[in-house]
């Protein structure tokens, strides 16, 4: 998606065409076009920090110990 956005200028018909071809939302297509126009290739690179924060921190020994206890007690059901 992001690579294709650099090939064609961003007008309404192009956004509509890319949206249909790539089966993504109009908003996603428009965002990629805008990132490319504003910042070039560098704007299309993924930024660090996206996504949901983890539920469990693997650096916390207390949480790791608790997970091991849960798995030992309920090996087939990992939900608590």
Protein backbone atom coordinates (compact mmCIF):
# COMPACT_ATOMS: atom_id res chain seq x y z
CA UNK A 1 0.00 0.00 0.00
CA UNK A 2 2.58 2.54 1.05
CA UNK A 3 4.82 1.80 -1.93
CA UNK A 4 1.99 2.29 -4.42
CA UNK A 5 1.10 5.64 -2.92
CA UNK A 6 4.35 7.12 -4.20
CA UNK A 7 3.67 6.21 -7.83
CA UNK A 8 0.65 8.40 -8.57
CA UNK A 9 -0.25 11.93 -7.47
CA UNK A 10 -2.97 12.19 -4.83
CA UNK A 11 -6.22 13.28 -6.43
CA UNK A 12 -9.68 11.99 -5.56
CA UNK A 13 -9.94 9.52 -8.45
CA UNK A 14 -6.52 8.05 -7.63
CA UNK A 15 -7.43 7.60 -3.97
CA UNK A 16 -10.66 5.87 -5.00
CA UNK A 17 -8.77 3.60 -7.43
CA UNK A 18 -6.13 2.60 -4.87
CA UNK A 19 -8.83 1.98 -2.28
CA UNK A 20 -10.56 -0.47 -4.62
CA UNK A 21 -7.39 -2.15 -5.88
CA UNK A 22 -5.81 -2.66 -2.46
CA UNK A 23 -9.04 -3.35 -0.58
CA UNK A 24 -8.23 -0.85 2.15
CA UNK A 25 -10.23 2.06 3.49
CA UNK A 26 -10.26 5.46 1.84
CA UNK A 27 -8.80 6.89 5.04
CA UNK A 28 -5.80 4.50 4.91
CA UNK A 29 -5.15 5.37 1.27
CA UNK A 30 -5.45 9.11 1.90
CA UNK A 31 -3.17 8.91 4.96
CA UNK A 32 -0.44 7.17 2.95
CA UNK A 33 -0.70 9.72 0.13
CA UNK A 34 -0.49 12.58 2.63
CA UNK A 35 2.51 11.04 4.42
CA UNK A 36 4.33 10.69 1.10
CA UNK A 37 3.48 14.20 -0.10
CA UNK A 38 4.50 15.77 3.22
CA UNK A 39 7.66 13.77 3.97
CA UNK A 40 8.56 11.64 0.94
CA UNK A 41 9.75 8.08 1.45
CA UNK A 42 10.75 8.83 5.05
CA UNK A 43 7.10 9.60 5.84
CA UNK A 44 6.08 6.09 4.77
CA UNK A 45 8.36 4.34 7.25
CA UNK A 46 6.69 2.80 10.27
CA UNK A 47 7.10 4.70 13.51
CA UNK A 48 8.13 3.00 16.71
CA UNK A 49 5.53 2.74 19.43
CA UNK A 50 2.48 1.81 17.40
CA UNK A 51 0.05 -0.74 18.71
CA UNK A 52 -1.41 -1.67 22.01
CA UNK A 53 0.88 -1.90 25.04
CA UNK A 54 1.50 -5.44 26.31
CA UNK A 55 -0.66 -6.81 29.11
CA UNK A 56 2.30 -8.55 30.71
CA UNK A 57 5.82 -7.20 31.02
CA UNK A 58 8.31 -10.03 30.59
CA UNK A 59 10.91 -8.02 32.46
CA UNK A 60 8.88 -8.21 35.68
CA UNK A 61 9.86 -11.38 37.63
CA UNK A 62 6.66 -11.22 39.71
CA UNK A 63 4.46 -11.39 36.62
CA UNK A 64 6.52 -14.22 35.11
CA UNK A 65 6.20 -16.23 38.33
CA UNK A 66 2.43 -15.65 38.39
CA UNK A 67 2.07 -16.79 34.76
CA UNK A 68 4.01 -19.99 35.48
CA UNK A 69 1.72 -20.70 38.45
CA UNK A 70 -1.41 -20.18 36.35
CA UNK A 71 -0.15 -22.43 33.55
CA UNK A 72 0.86 -25.14 36.05
CA UNK A 73 -2.57 -25.02 37.72
CA UNK A 74 -4.63 -24.73 34.51
CA UNK A 75 -2.58 -25.99 31.56
CA UNK A 76 -5.54 -26.08 29.14
CA UNK A 77 -7.16 -22.79 30.12
CA UNK A 78 -4.85 -19.80 30.13
CA UNK A 79 -7.57 -17.22 30.90
CA UNK A 80 -7.83 -15.95 34.46
